[in-house]
C-alpha atoms as a PDB file:
ATOM      1  CA  MET A   1      30.684   6.794 -22.602  1.00  0.00           C
ATOM      2  CA  HIS A   2      28.476   3.478 -22.453  1.00  0.00           C
ATOM      3  CA  TYR A   3      27.052   2.901 -19.084  1.00  0.00           C
ATOM      4  CA  THR A   4      25.636  -0.365 -17.322  1.00  0.00           C
ATOM      5  CA  TYR A   5      23.231   0.733 -14.638  1.00  0.00           C
ATOM      6  CA  LEU A   6      21.037  -0.948 -11.854  1.00  0.00           C
ATOM      7  CA  LEU A   7      18.017   0.874 -10.954  1.00  0.00           C
ATOM      8  CA  GLU A   8      15.764  -0.428  -7.778  1.00  0.00           C
ATOM      9  CA  ASN A   9      12.009   0.307  -7.236  1.00  0.00           C
ATOM     10  CA  LYS A  10      11.554   1.904  -3.819  1.00  0.00           C
ATOM     11  CA  TYR A  11       8.307   0.290  -3.347  1.00  0.00           C
ATOM     12  CA  ASP A  12       8.913  -3.334  -3.955  1.00  0.00           C
ATOM     13  CA  LYS A  13      12.746  -3.294  -4.115  1.00  0.00           C
ATOM     14  CA  SER A  14      12.952  -5.168  -7.543  1.00  0.00           C
ATOM     15  CA  TRP A  15      15.861  -4.279  -9.591  1.00  0.00           C
ATOM     16  CA  TYR A  16      16.466  -3.443 -13.290  1.00  0.00           C
ATOM     17  CA  ILE A  17      19.533  -3.889 -15.167  1.00  0.00           C
ATOM     18  CA  GLY A  18      20.377  -1.876 -18.443  1.00  0.00           C
ATOM     19  CA  TYR A  19      22.833  -0.466 -20.774  1.00  0.00           C
ATOM     20  CA  THR A  20      22.785   3.006 -22.186  1.00  0.00           C
ATOM     21  CA  GLU A  21      24.914   5.893 -23.876  1.00  0.00           C
ATOM     22  CA  ASN A  22      23.282   8.680 -22.061  1.00  0.00           C
ATOM     23  CA  LEU A  23      22.734   7.660 -18.471  1.00  0.00           C
ATOM     24  CA  ARG A  24      20.976  10.665 -17.256  1.00  0.00           C
ATOM     25  CA  LYS A  25      18.364  10.889 -20.061  1.00  0.00           C
ATOM     26  CA  ARG A  26      17.897   7.115 -19.603  1.00  0.00           C
ATOM     27  CA  VAL A  27      17.137   7.049 -16.018  1.00  0.00           C
ATOM     28  CA  LYS A  28      14.773  10.071 -16.349  1.00  0.00           C
ATOM     29  CA  ASP A  29      12.898   8.032 -19.088  1.00  0.00           C
ATOM     30  CA  HIS A  30      12.490   4.669 -16.671  1.00  0.00           C
ATOM     31  CA  GLN A  31      11.325   7.374 -13.942  1.00  0.00           C
ATOM     32  CA  GLY A  32       8.677   9.093 -16.355  1.00  0.00           C
ATOM     33  CA  GLY A  33       7.393   5.674 -17.492  1.00  0.00           C
ATOM     34  CA  TYR A  34       9.179   5.879 -20.848  1.00  0.00           C
ATOM     35  CA  GLY A  35      12.051   3.510 -20.234  1.00  0.00           C
ATOM     36  CA  CYS A  36      10.847   0.225 -21.336  1.00  0.00           C
ATOM     37  CA  ARG A  37       8.034  -1.938 -20.483  1.00  0.00           C
ATOM     38  CA  THR A  38       9.123  -3.533 -17.273  1.00  0.00           C
ATOM     39  CA  THR A  39       9.887  -0.237 -15.592  1.00  0.00           C
ATOM     40  CA  ALA A  40       6.542   1.344 -17.382  1.00  0.00           C
ATOM     41  CA  MET A  41       4.619  -0.637 -15.484  1.00  0.00           C
ATOM     42  CA  LYS A  42       5.644   0.460 -11.728  1.00  0.00           C
ATOM     43  CA  SER A  43       6.488   3.980 -10.686  1.00  0.00           C
ATOM     44  CA  GLY A  44       9.375   4.678  -7.982  1.00  0.00           C
ATOM     45  CA  TRP A  45      12.695   3.607  -9.822  1.00  0.00           C
ATOM     46  CA  GLN A  46      15.862   5.218  -8.615  1.00  0.00           C
ATOM     47  CA  LEU A  47      19.758   4.621  -9.636  1.00  0.00           C
ATOM     48  CA  ILE A  48      21.453   2.640  -7.113  1.00  0.00           C
ATOM     49  CA  TYR A  49      24.456   1.576  -9.111  1.00  0.00           C
ATOM     50  CA  TYR A  50      26.271   2.113 -12.541  1.00  0.00           C
ATOM     51  CA  GLU A  51      29.494   1.317 -14.038  1.00  0.00           C
ATOM     52  CA  ALA A  52      31.036   3.457 -17.228  1.00  0.00           C
ATOM     53  CA  TYR A  53      33.073   2.031 -20.262  1.00  0.00           C
ATOM     54  CA  ILE A  54      34.650   3.435 -23.346  1.00  0.00           C
ATOM     55  CA  ASN A  55      33.789   0.378 -25.464  1.00  0.00           C
ATOM     56  CA  LYS A  56      29.975  -0.378 -25.995  1.00  0.00           C
ATOM     57  CA  LEU A  57      30.612  -4.107 -26.541  1.00  0.00           C
ATOM     58  CA  ASP A  58      32.144  -3.876 -22.900  1.00  0.00           C
ATOM     59  CA  ALA A  59      29.175  -2.337 -21.348  1.00  0.00           C
ATOM     60  CA  VAL A  60      26.658  -4.529 -23.152  1.00  0.00           C
ATOM     61  CA  GLY A  61      28.921  -7.485 -22.058  1.00  0.00           C
ATOM     62  CA  ARG A  62      28.560  -6.439 -18.424  1.00  0.00           C
ATOM     63  CA  GLU A  63      24.877  -5.974 -18.483  1.00  0.00           C
ATOM     64  CA  LYS A  64      24.416  -9.665 -19.753  1.00  0.00           C
ATOM     65  CA  PHE A  65      27.001 -10.663 -17.001  1.00  0.00           C
ATOM     66  CA  LEU A  66      25.167  -8.799 -14.144  1.00  0.00           C
ATOM     67  CA  LYS A  67      21.498 -10.199 -15.485  1.00  0.00           C
ATOM     68  CA  GLY A  68      22.943 -13.477 -14.718  1.00  0.00           C
ATOM     69  CA  GLY A  69      23.158 -15.514 -11.527  1.00  0.00           C
ATOM     70  CA  ALA A  70      26.805 -14.643 -10.782  1.00  0.00           C
ATOM     71  CA  GLY A  71      26.122 -10.889 -11.615  1.00  0.00           C
ATOM     72  CA  ARG A  72      23.501 -10.628  -9.124  1.00  0.00           C
ATOM     73  CA  VAL A  73      25.795 -12.261  -6.649  1.00  0.00           C
ATOM     74  CA  TYR A  74      28.248  -9.457  -7.636  1.00  0.00           C
ATOM     75  CA  LEU A  75      26.040  -6.792  -7.298  1.00  0.00           C
ATOM     76  CA  LYS A  76      24.902  -7.757  -3.830  1.00  0.00           C
ATOM     77  CA  LYS A  77      28.607  -8.141  -2.651  1.00  0.00           C
ATOM     78  CA  GLN A  78      29.115  -4.735  -4.064  1.00  0.00           C
ATOM     79  CA  LEU A  79      25.995  -3.114  -2.442  1.00  0.00           C
ATOM     80  CA  LYS A  80      26.157  -4.859   0.815  1.00  0.00           C
ATOM     81  CA  ASN A  81      26.402  -1.568   2.861  1.00  0.00           C
ATOM     82  CA  TYR A  82      23.235  -0.320   0.811  1.00  0.00           C
ATOM     83  CA  LEU A  83      21.528  -3.336   1.067  1.00  0.00           C
ATOM     84  CA  SER A  84      21.795  -3.781   4.919  1.00  0.00           C
ATOM     85  CA  ASN A  85      20.606  -0.487   5.358  1.00  0.00           C
ATOM     86  CA  ASN A  86      17.393  -1.433   3.048  1.00  0.00           C
ATOM     87  CA  LYS A  87      16.359  -4.520   4.967  1.00  0.00           C
ATOM     88  CA  ASP A  88      12.746  -4.798   3.293  1.00  0.00           C
ATOM     89  CA  LEU A  89      15.054  -6.711   0.361  1.00  0.00           C
END
């Protein structure tokens, strides 16, 4: 499987959107400071959303979409209940 995922930093509520073939390992990498430069600079990352795809190109395309303006709007709509319970956003 191929995954597009969204991490949220529990301290400043910033988001990181990525793609992986091994979601559990990738999230652990991010949490341990080994994910990428962006997430290594902060601690406190948690997985709040993901989508699974059979085809790699579908997952990569979805990652690109979610990183854009319309994708961010989509995520905020999908996570409406989560975001309303975390008003510090």
